[in-house]
């Protein structure tokens, strides 16, 4: 199939198993959400797909190609990654940071950005509502503004697969909706989009496909309507919830009834 196929992936940190035989698909042209409690393995899974975590066993393929076997430069021409936290002490402008997304396509002797590079950077900044920030210092921006710049950098990479770890965690509500609308547009244009999320209602609204991780294992996979049910939320999150279908909306709404018992 086209898109991402993860099969039987196990990742360890020392003697501790973080991912335990995990497998799922993230189809091309769709937004796939990785959900699950803290420590479930979501960030590790994204790192494994990007070749940042060594596999003890298992396979990861994108459009049939073996991702872990690729050279980093080759993988960077296919996949863009947005980490949960990205900082720098360098005095880079916003335009400089977004321009880093073009590095995988530039030759070693290229003295200046090409017209294609400049167009990609400008388009990405505009998509994230950051065009007027291009000449500002990145390190002086708020956390939410920096997050939008990092997503713009990934968009400038013009990837076939986007991987984002909690892309809305530092954003206000308006910016969250902007980012997720842009990611849906990327998927509709044929991109494979995989993002780790905590907000189940945003996941239900924007994701076509959900993958539930718990203790390093995939425990459910399917559409939001298929995956989000009270029994699963109680089992995985320890939270009682009611699932409501809002009239006129194609996605379910999660209403939390009680907090987990911490006794």
C-alpha atoms as a PDB file:
ATOM      1  CA  UNK A   1       0.000   0.000   0.000  1.00  0.00           C
ATOM      2  CA  UNK A   2       1.076   3.628  -0.392  1.00  0.00           C
ATOM      3  CA  UNK A   3       1.906   5.464   2.800  1.00  0.00           C
ATOM      4  CA  UNK A   4       3.568   4.263   5.982  1.00  0.00           C
ATOM      5  CA  UNK A   5       3.523   0.624   7.118  1.00  0.00           C
ATOM      6  CA  UNK A   6       4.977  -0.249  10.529  1.00  0.00           C
ATOM      7  CA  UNK A   7       5.229  -3.935  11.424  1.00  0.00           C
ATOM      8  CA  UNK A   8       6.313  -5.593  14.665  1.00  0.00           C
ATOM      9  CA  UNK A   9       8.493  -2.708  15.844  1.00  0.00           C
ATOM     10  CA  UNK A  10      10.329  -3.123  19.136  1.00  0.00           C
ATOM     11  CA  UNK A  11      12.500  -0.356  20.589  1.00  0.00           C
ATOM     12  CA  UNK A  12      14.377  -0.491  23.890  1.00  0.00           C
ATOM     13  CA  UNK A  13      16.150   2.014  26.137  1.00  0.00           C
ATOM     14  CA  UNK A  14      18.695  -0.093  27.952  1.00  0.00           C
ATOM     15  CA  UNK A  15      16.742  -3.008  29.390  1.00  0.00           C
ATOM     16  CA  UNK A  16      13.420  -1.167  29.261  1.00  0.00           C
ATOM     17  CA  UNK A  17      11.093  -1.935  26.336  1.00  0.00           C
ATOM     18  CA  UNK A  18       9.425   1.244  25.026  1.00  0.00           C
ATOM     19  CA  UNK A  19       7.751  -0.176  21.909  1.00  0.00           C
ATOM     20  CA  UNK A  20       6.763  -3.825  21.984  1.00  0.00           C
ATOM     21  CA  UNK A  21       5.928  -5.376  18.625  1.00  0.00           C
ATOM     22  CA  UNK A  22       3.942  -2.327  17.525  1.00  0.00           C
ATOM     23  CA  UNK A  23       2.432  -2.195  14.062  1.00  0.00           C
ATOM     24  CA  UNK A  24       0.007   0.066  12.201  1.00  0.00           C
ATOM     25  CA  UNK A  25      -0.576   1.836   8.902  1.00  0.00           C
ATOM     26  CA  UNK A  26      -0.725   5.545   8.063  1.00  0.00           C
ATOM     27  CA  UNK A  27      -2.293   5.798   4.601  1.00  0.00           C
ATOM     28  CA  UNK A  28      -1.216   8.345   2.018  1.00  0.00           C
ATOM     29  CA  UNK A  29      -3.687  11.173   1.616  1.00  0.00           C
ATOM     30  CA  UNK A  30      -4.894  10.903   5.212  1.00  0.00           C
ATOM     31  CA  UNK A  31      -4.184  12.361   8.645  1.00  0.00           C
ATOM     32  CA  UNK A  32      -3.275   9.609  11.111  1.00  0.00           C
ATOM     33  CA  UNK A  33      -3.277  10.413  14.811  1.00  0.00           C
ATOM     34  CA  UNK A  34      -1.145   8.578  17.376  1.00  0.00           C
ATOM     35  CA  UNK A  35      -2.991   8.781  20.677  1.00  0.00           C
ATOM     36  CA  UNK A  36      -2.432   7.272  24.105  1.00  0.00           C
ATOM     37  CA  UNK A  37      -1.415   8.279  27.623  1.00  0.00           C
ATOM     38  CA  UNK A  38       1.942   9.756  28.601  1.00  0.00           C
ATOM     39  CA  UNK A  39       4.671   7.146  28.285  1.00  0.00           C
ATOM     40  CA  UNK A  40       2.718   5.054  25.779  1.00  0.00           C
ATOM     41  CA  UNK A  41       5.502   5.346  23.172  1.00  0.00           C
ATOM     42  CA  UNK A  42       4.139   7.978  20.774  1.00  0.00           C
ATOM     43  CA  UNK A  43       7.296  10.111  20.569  1.00  0.00           C
ATOM     44  CA  UNK A  44       9.470   7.012  20.385  1.00  0.00           C
ATOM     45  CA  UNK A  45       7.403   5.709  17.477  1.00  0.00           C
ATOM     46  CA  UNK A  46       7.828   8.947  15.549  1.00  0.00           C
ATOM     47  CA  UNK A  47      11.558   8.863  16.321  1.00  0.00           C
ATOM     48  CA  UNK A  48      11.761   5.287  15.071  1.00  0.00           C
ATOM     49  CA  UNK A  49      10.055   6.194  11.797  1.00  0.00           C
ATOM     50  CA  UNK A  50      12.556   9.041  11.345  1.00  0.00           C
ATOM     51  CA  UNK A  51      15.529   6.741  11.998  1.00  0.00           C
ATOM     52  CA  UNK A  52      16.316   8.406  15.334  1.00  0.00           C
ATOM     53  CA  UNK A  53      15.664   5.262  17.407  1.00  0.00           C
ATOM     54  CA  UNK A  54      17.293   1.914  16.695  1.00  0.00           C
ATOM     55  CA  UNK A  55      14.929  -0.978  16.054  1.00  0.00           C
ATOM     56  CA  UNK A  56      15.505  -4.157  18.018  1.00  0.00           C
ATOM     57  CA  UNK A  57      13.195  -5.850  15.538  1.00  0.00           C
ATOM     58  CA  UNK A  58      10.469  -4.977  13.059  1.00  0.00           C
ATOM     59  CA  UNK A  59      10.169  -3.103   9.777  1.00  0.00           C
ATOM     60  CA  UNK A  60       9.172   0.419   8.747  1.00  0.00           C
ATOM     61  CA  UNK A  61       8.350   1.066   5.095  1.00  0.00           C
ATOM     62  CA  UNK A  62       7.169   4.171   3.272  1.00  0.00           C
ATOM     63  CA  UNK A  63       5.673   3.664  -0.177  1.00  0.00           C
ATOM     64  CA  UNK A  64       7.364   0.255  -0.138  1.00  0.00           C
ATOM     65  CA  UNK A  65      10.858   1.602   0.639  1.00  0.00           C
ATOM     66  CA  UNK A  66      12.770   0.581   3.778  1.00  0.00           C
ATOM     67  CA  UNK A  67      12.997   3.820   5.810  1.00  0.00           C
ATOM     68  CA  UNK A  68      15.586   2.714   8.413  1.00  0.00           C
ATOM     69  CA  UNK A  69      17.938   1.593   5.634  1.00  0.00           C
ATOM     70  CA  UNK A  70      17.931   5.027   3.961  1.00  0.00           C
ATOM     71  CA  UNK A  71      20.722   7.527   4.362  1.00  0.00           C
ATOM     72  CA  UNK A  72      19.605  10.536   6.427  1.00  0.00           C
ATOM     73  CA  UNK A  73      19.819  12.878   3.430  1.00  0.00           C
ATOM     74  CA  UNK A  74      17.670  10.534   1.334  1.00  0.00           C
ATOM     75  CA  UNK A  75      15.099  10.238   4.116  1.00  0.00           C
ATOM     76  CA  UNK A  76      15.037  14.041   4.553  1.00  0.00           C
ATOM     77  CA  UNK A  77      13.964  14.432   0.936  1.00  0.00           C
ATOM     78  CA  UNK A  78      10.901  12.302   1.688  1.00  0.00           C
ATOM     79  CA  UNK A  79       9.992  13.049   5.298  1.00  0.00           C
ATOM     80  CA  UNK A  80       9.768  16.167   7.455  1.00  0.00           C
ATOM     81  CA  UNK A  81       9.772  15.961  11.245  1.00  0.00           C
ATOM     82  CA  UNK A  82       8.546  18.501  13.785  1.00  0.00           C
ATOM     83  CA  UNK A  83       9.675  17.771  17.328  1.00  0.00           C
ATOM     84  CA  UNK A  84       7.702  18.681  20.426  1.00  0.00           C
ATOM     85  CA  UNK A  85      10.433  21.074  21.565  1.00  0.00           C
ATOM     86  CA  UNK A  86      12.899  22.740  19.177  1.00  0.00           C
ATOM     87  CA  UNK A  87      15.267  25.428  20.437  1.00  0.00           C
ATOM     88  CA  UNK A  88      18.440  27.100  19.228  1.00  0.00           C
ATOM     89  CA  UNK A  89      20.913  29.582  20.642  1.00  0.00           C
ATOM     90  CA  UNK A  90      21.923  30.732  17.160  1.00  0.00           C
ATOM     91  CA  UNK A  91      20.805  34.203  16.103  1.00  0.00           C
ATOM     92  CA  UNK A  92      18.671  32.967  13.230  1.00  0.00           C
ATOM     93  CA  UNK A  93      15.794  34.857  11.714  1.00  0.00           C
ATOM     94  CA  UNK A  94      12.452  33.186  11.171  1.00  0.00           C
ATOM     95  CA  UNK A  95      13.207  33.103   7.448  1.00  0.00           C
ATOM     96  CA  UNK A  96      16.545  31.385   8.158  1.00  0.00           C
ATOM     97  CA  UNK A  97      14.849  28.677  10.253  1.00  0.00           C
ATOM     98  CA  UNK A  98      12.179  27.982   7.640  1.00  0.00           C
ATOM     99  CA  UNK A  99      14.896  27.957   4.975  1.00  0.00           C
ATOM    100  CA  UNK A 100      16.514  24.984   6.748  1.00  0.00           C
ATOM    101  CA  UNK A 101      13.715  22.911   5.263  1.00  0.00           C
ATOM    102  CA  UNK A 102      15.296  23.404   1.848  1.00  0.00           C
ATOM    103  CA  UNK A 103      18.759  22.098   2.829  1.00  0.00           C
ATOM    104  CA  UNK A 104      18.106  18.482   1.711  1.00  0.00           C
ATOM    105  CA  UNK A 105      17.527  19.752  -1.837  1.00  0.00           C
ATOM    106  CA  UNK A 106      20.520  22.087  -2.065  1.00  0.00           C
ATOM    107  CA  UNK A 107      23.875  21.130  -3.506  1.00  0.00           C
ATOM    108  CA  UNK A 108      27.087  21.601  -1.524  1.00  0.00           C
ATOM    109  CA  UNK A 109      28.204  24.374  -3.897  1.00  0.00           C
ATOM    110  CA  UNK A 110      24.902  26.264  -3.942  1.00  0.00           C
ATOM    111  CA  UNK A 111      25.759  29.803  -2.802  1.00  0.00           C
ATOM    112  CA  UNK A 112      22.239  31.133  -2.310  1.00  0.00           C
ATOM    113  CA  UNK A 113      18.645  29.878  -2.174  1.00  0.00           C
ATOM    114  CA  UNK A 114      17.158  29.072  -5.551  1.00  0.00           C
ATOM    115  CA  UNK A 115      13.921  30.606  -6.803  1.00  0.00           C
ATOM    116  CA  UNK A 116      12.201  27.329  -5.903  1.00  0.00           C
ATOM    117  CA  UNK A 117      13.636  27.535  -2.383  1.00  0.00           C
ATOM    118  CA  UNK A 118      12.421  31.099  -1.939  1.00  0.00           C
ATOM    119  CA  UNK A 119       8.945  30.228  -3.221  1.00  0.00           C
ATOM    120  CA  UNK A 120       8.681  27.231  -0.894  1.00  0.00           C
ATOM    121  CA  UNK A 121       9.775  29.280   2.137  1.00  0.00           C
ATOM    122  CA  UNK A 122       7.388  32.143   1.340  1.00  0.00           C
ATOM    123  CA  UNK A 123       4.490  29.748   0.813  1.00  0.00           C
ATOM    124  CA  UNK A 124       5.180  27.920   4.077  1.00  0.00           C
ATOM    125  CA  UNK A 125       5.413  31.168   6.066  1.00  0.00           C
ATOM    126  CA  UNK A 126       2.146  32.374   4.573  1.00  0.00           C
ATOM    127  CA  UNK A 127       0.397  29.087   5.344  1.00  0.00           C
ATOM    128  CA  UNK A 128       1.363  29.419   9.017  1.00  0.00           C
ATOM    129  CA  UNK A 129       0.442  33.105   9.182  1.00  0.00           C
ATOM    130  CA  UNK A 130       4.087  33.994   9.844  1.00  0.00           C
ATOM    131  CA  UNK A 131       5.016  35.939   6.702  1.00  0.00           C
ATOM    132  CA  UNK A 132       5.404  39.238   8.594  1.00  0.00           C
ATOM    133  CA  UNK A 133       7.777  37.523  11.045  1.00  0.00           C
ATOM    134  CA  UNK A 134      10.360  36.537   8.411  1.00  0.00           C
ATOM    135  CA  UNK A 135      13.032  39.006   9.550  1.00  0.00           C
ATOM    136  CA  UNK A 136      12.466  38.633  13.293  1.00  0.00           C
ATOM    137  CA  UNK A 137      14.852  36.636  15.481  1.00  0.00           C
ATOM    138  CA  UNK A 138      13.504  33.151  16.090  1.00  0.00           C
ATOM    139  CA  UNK A 139      14.830  32.982  19.662  1.00  0.00           C
ATOM    140  CA  UNK A 140      12.779  36.046  20.646  1.00  0.00           C
ATOM    141  CA  UNK A 141       9.446  34.521  19.648  1.00  0.00           C
ATOM    142  CA  UNK A 142       6.941  32.974  22.039  1.00  0.00           C
ATOM    143  CA  UNK A 143       6.742  29.194  22.306  1.00  0.00           C
ATOM    144  CA  UNK A 144       3.609  29.102  20.162  1.00  0.00           C
ATOM    145  CA  UNK A 145       5.166  31.311  17.488  1.00  0.00           C
ATOM    146  CA  UNK A 146       8.282  29.130  17.425  1.00  0.00           C
ATOM    147  CA  UNK A 147       6.080  26.063  16.986  1.00  0.00           C
ATOM    148  CA  UNK A 148       4.405  27.604  13.951  1.00  0.00           C
ATOM    149  CA  UNK A 149       7.815  28.456  12.489  1.00  0.00           C
ATOM    150  CA  UNK A 150       8.953  24.850  12.932  1.00  0.00           C
ATOM    151  CA  UNK A 151       5.843  23.607  11.135  1.00  0.00           C
ATOM    152  CA  UNK A 152       6.522  26.136   8.363  1.00  0.00           C
ATOM    153  CA  UNK A 153      10.073  24.751   8.120  1.00  0.00           C
ATOM    154  CA  UNK A 154       8.613  21.257   7.631  1.00  0.00           C
ATOM    155  CA  UNK A 155       6.176  22.527   4.996  1.00  0.00           C
ATOM    156  CA  UNK A 156       9.027  24.232   3.116  1.00  0.00           C
ATOM    157  CA  UNK A 157      10.611  20.794   2.843  1.00  0.00           C
ATOM    158  CA  UNK A 158       7.681  19.827   0.574  1.00  0.00           C
ATOM    159  CA  UNK A 159       7.652  16.316   2.039  1.00  0.00           C
ATOM    160  CA  UNK A 160       5.718  13.255   0.998  1.00  0.00           C
ATOM    161  CA  UNK A 161       5.341  12.393   4.687  1.00  0.00           C
ATOM    162  CA  UNK A 162       4.932  14.778   7.641  1.00  0.00           C
ATOM    163  CA  UNK A 163       5.572  13.563  11.186  1.00  0.00           C
ATOM    164  CA  UNK A 164       4.675  15.881  14.039  1.00  0.00           C
ATOM    165  CA  UNK A 165       5.002  15.320  17.788  1.00  0.00           C
ATOM    166  CA  UNK A 166       2.287  17.261  19.653  1.00  0.00           C
ATOM    167  CA  UNK A 167       2.148  20.036  17.006  1.00  0.00           C
ATOM    168  CA  UNK A 168      -0.561  22.007  18.847  1.00  0.00           C
ATOM    169  CA  UNK A 169       0.821  21.775  22.397  1.00  0.00           C
ATOM    170  CA  UNK A 170       2.038  25.403  22.623  1.00  0.00           C
ATOM    171  CA  UNK A 171      -0.706  26.990  20.553  1.00  0.00           C
ATOM    172  CA  UNK A 172      -3.839  28.964  21.362  1.00  0.00           C
ATOM    173  CA  UNK A 173      -7.150  27.709  20.019  1.00  0.00           C
ATOM    174  CA  UNK A 174      -7.098  29.780  16.823  1.00  0.00           C
ATOM    175  CA  UNK A 175      -3.549  28.693  15.995  1.00  0.00           C
ATOM    176  CA  UNK A 176      -4.403  25.048  16.744  1.00  0.00           C
ATOM    177  CA  UNK A 177      -7.220  25.121  14.209  1.00  0.00           C
ATOM    178  CA  UNK A 178      -5.003  26.901  11.660  1.00  0.00           C
ATOM    179  CA  UNK A 179      -2.268  24.274  11.969  1.00  0.00           C
ATOM    180  CA  UNK A 180      -4.651  21.334  11.783  1.00  0.00           C
ATOM    181  CA  UNK A 181      -6.480  22.825   8.784  1.00  0.00           C
ATOM    182  CA  UNK A 182      -3.117  23.152   7.009  1.00  0.00           C
ATOM    183  CA  UNK A 183      -2.198  19.557   7.849  1.00  0.00           C
ATOM    184  CA  UNK A 184      -5.533  18.330   6.498  1.00  0.00           C
ATOM    185  CA  UNK A 185      -4.890  20.279   3.294  1.00  0.00           C
ATOM    186  CA  UNK A 186      -1.469  18.614   3.018  1.00  0.00           C
ATOM    187  CA  UNK A 187      -3.102  15.197   3.371  1.00  0.00           C
ATOM    188  CA  UNK A 188      -5.758  16.036   0.807  1.00  0.00           C
ATOM    189  CA  UNK A 189      -2.929  16.909  -1.591  1.00  0.00           C
ATOM    190  CA  UNK A 190      -1.563  13.364  -1.172  1.00  0.00           C
ATOM    191  CA  UNK A 191       0.842  13.717   1.765  1.00  0.00           C
ATOM    192  CA  UNK A 192       1.014  11.078   4.509  1.00  0.00           C
ATOM    193  CA  UNK A 193       0.493  12.928   7.802  1.00  0.00           C
ATOM    194  CA  UNK A 194       1.258  11.285  11.154  1.00  0.00           C
ATOM    195  CA  UNK A 195       0.903  13.268  14.366  1.00  0.00           C
ATOM    196  CA  UNK A 196       1.018  12.455  18.059  1.00  0.00           C
ATOM    197  CA  UNK A 197      -1.859  14.083  19.934  1.00  0.00           C
ATOM    198  CA  UNK A 198      -3.301  14.299  23.441  1.00  0.00           C
ATOM    199  CA  UNK A 199      -6.493  16.221  22.707  1.00  0.00           C
ATOM    200  CA  UNK A 200      -8.954  13.495  21.737  1.00  0.00           C
ATOM    201  CA  UNK A 201     -11.578  15.894  20.437  1.00  0.00           C
ATOM    202  CA  UNK A 202      -9.108  17.558  18.062  1.00  0.00           C
ATOM    203  CA  UNK A 203      -7.956  14.072  17.030  1.00  0.00           C
ATOM    204  CA  UNK A 204     -11.557  13.032  16.365  1.00  0.00           C
ATOM    205  CA  UNK A 205     -12.254  16.156  14.326  1.00  0.00           C
ATOM    206  CA  UNK A 206      -9.115  16.242  12.169  1.00  0.00           C
ATOM    207  CA  UNK A 207      -7.819  12.685  11.898  1.00  0.00           C
ATOM    208  CA  UNK A 208      -9.068  10.218   9.316  1.00  0.00           C
ATOM    209  CA  UNK A 209      -7.329   7.342  11.081  1.00  0.00           C
ATOM    210  CA  UNK A 210      -6.392   6.794  14.736  1.00  0.00           C
ATOM    211  CA  UNK A 211      -3.773   4.498  16.260  1.00  0.00           C
ATOM    212  CA  UNK A 212      -3.955   3.924  20.023  1.00  0.00           C
ATOM    213  CA  UNK A 213      -0.713   3.132  21.850  1.00  0.00           C
ATOM    214  CA  UNK A 214      -0.641   1.846  25.408  1.00  0.00           C
ATOM    215  CA  UNK A 215       2.515   0.642  27.168  1.00  0.00           C
ATOM    216  CA  UNK A 216       4.313   0.362  23.838  1.00  0.00           C
ATOM    217  CA  UNK A 217       1.662  -1.743  22.127  1.00  0.00           C
ATOM    218  CA  UNK A 218      -0.942  -0.815  19.527  1.00  0.00           C
ATOM    219  CA  UNK A 219      -4.264  -1.654  21.184  1.00  0.00           C
ATOM    220  CA  UNK A 220      -6.682  -0.171  18.626  1.00  0.00           C
ATOM    221  CA  UNK A 221      -6.653   1.238  15.108  1.00  0.00           C
ATOM    222  CA  UNK A 222      -9.359   2.620  12.834  1.00  0.00           C
ATOM    223  CA  UNK A 223     -11.553   5.636  12.234  1.00  0.00           C
ATOM    224  CA  UNK A 224     -12.296   7.964  15.180  1.00  0.00           C
ATOM    225  CA  UNK A 225     -15.855   6.656  15.298  1.00  0.00           C
ATOM    226  CA  UNK A 226     -14.581   3.074  15.499  1.00  0.00           C
ATOM    227  CA  UNK A 227     -11.754   3.672  17.977  1.00  0.00           C
ATOM    228  CA  UNK A 228     -13.129   6.174  20.475  1.00  0.00           C
ATOM    229  CA  UNK A 229     -15.452   4.257  22.755  1.00  0.00           C
ATOM    230  CA  UNK A 230     -15.977   4.408  26.536  1.00  0.00           C
ATOM    231  CA  UNK A 231     -14.506   0.966  27.209  1.00  0.00           C
ATOM    232  CA  UNK A 232     -11.246   1.800  25.431  1.00  0.00           C
ATOM    233  CA  UNK A 233     -10.900   5.185  27.146  1.00  0.00           C
ATOM    234  CA  UNK A 234     -11.467   3.587  30.536  1.00  0.00           C
ATOM    235  CA  UNK A 235      -9.003   0.787  29.827  1.00  0.00           C
ATOM    236  CA  UNK A 236      -6.244   2.938  28.295  1.00  0.00           C
ATOM    237  CA  UNK A 237      -6.623   6.272  30.078  1.00  0.00           C
ATOM    238  CA  UNK A 238      -8.434   5.201  33.242  1.00  0.00           C
ATOM    239  CA  UNK A 239     -11.082   7.841  32.529  1.00  0.00           C
ATOM    240  CA  UNK A 240     -14.838   7.417  32.336  1.00  0.00           C
ATOM    241  CA  UNK A 241     -16.253   9.201  29.289  1.00  0.00           C
ATOM    242  CA  UNK A 242     -19.350   9.498  27.156  1.00  0.00           C
ATOM    243  CA  UNK A 243     -19.103   9.560  23.357  1.00  0.00           C
ATOM    244  CA  UNK A 244     -21.613  11.860  21.688  1.00  0.00           C
ATOM    245  CA  UNK A 245     -22.437  12.178  18.006  1.00  0.00           C
ATOM    246  CA  UNK A 246     -23.116  15.863  17.368  1.00  0.00           C
ATOM    247  CA  UNK A 247     -25.939  16.371  14.839  1.00  0.00           C
ATOM    248  CA  UNK A 248     -24.576  17.471  11.478  1.00  0.00           C
ATOM    249  CA  UNK A 249     -20.976  16.607  12.354  1.00  0.00           C
ATOM    250  CA  UNK A 250     -19.179  13.545  10.968  1.00  0.00           C
ATOM    251  CA  UNK A 251     -16.922  13.092  14.010  1.00  0.00           C
ATOM    252  CA  UNK A 252     -17.675  12.040  17.606  1.00  0.00           C
ATOM    253  CA  UNK A 253     -17.285  14.243  20.683  1.00  0.00           C
ATOM    254  CA  UNK A 254     -15.665  12.934  23.867  1.00  0.00           C
ATOM    255  CA  UNK A 255     -17.201  14.174  27.127  1.00  0.00           C
ATOM    256  CA  UNK A 256     -15.173  13.226  30.191  1.00  0.00           C
ATOM    257  CA  UNK A 257     -17.316  12.077  33.099  1.00  0.00           C
ATOM    258  CA  UNK A 258     -14.676  11.581  35.798  1.00  0.00           C
ATOM    259  CA  UNK A 259     -10.975  11.858  36.488  1.00  0.00           C
ATOM    260  CA  UNK A 260      -8.870   8.737  37.059  1.00  0.00           C
ATOM    261  CA  UNK A 261      -8.711   7.325  40.563  1.00  0.00           C
ATOM    262  CA  UNK A 262      -5.192   8.045  41.880  1.00  0.00           C
ATOM    263  CA  UNK A 263      -5.620   6.273  45.229  1.00  0.00           C
END
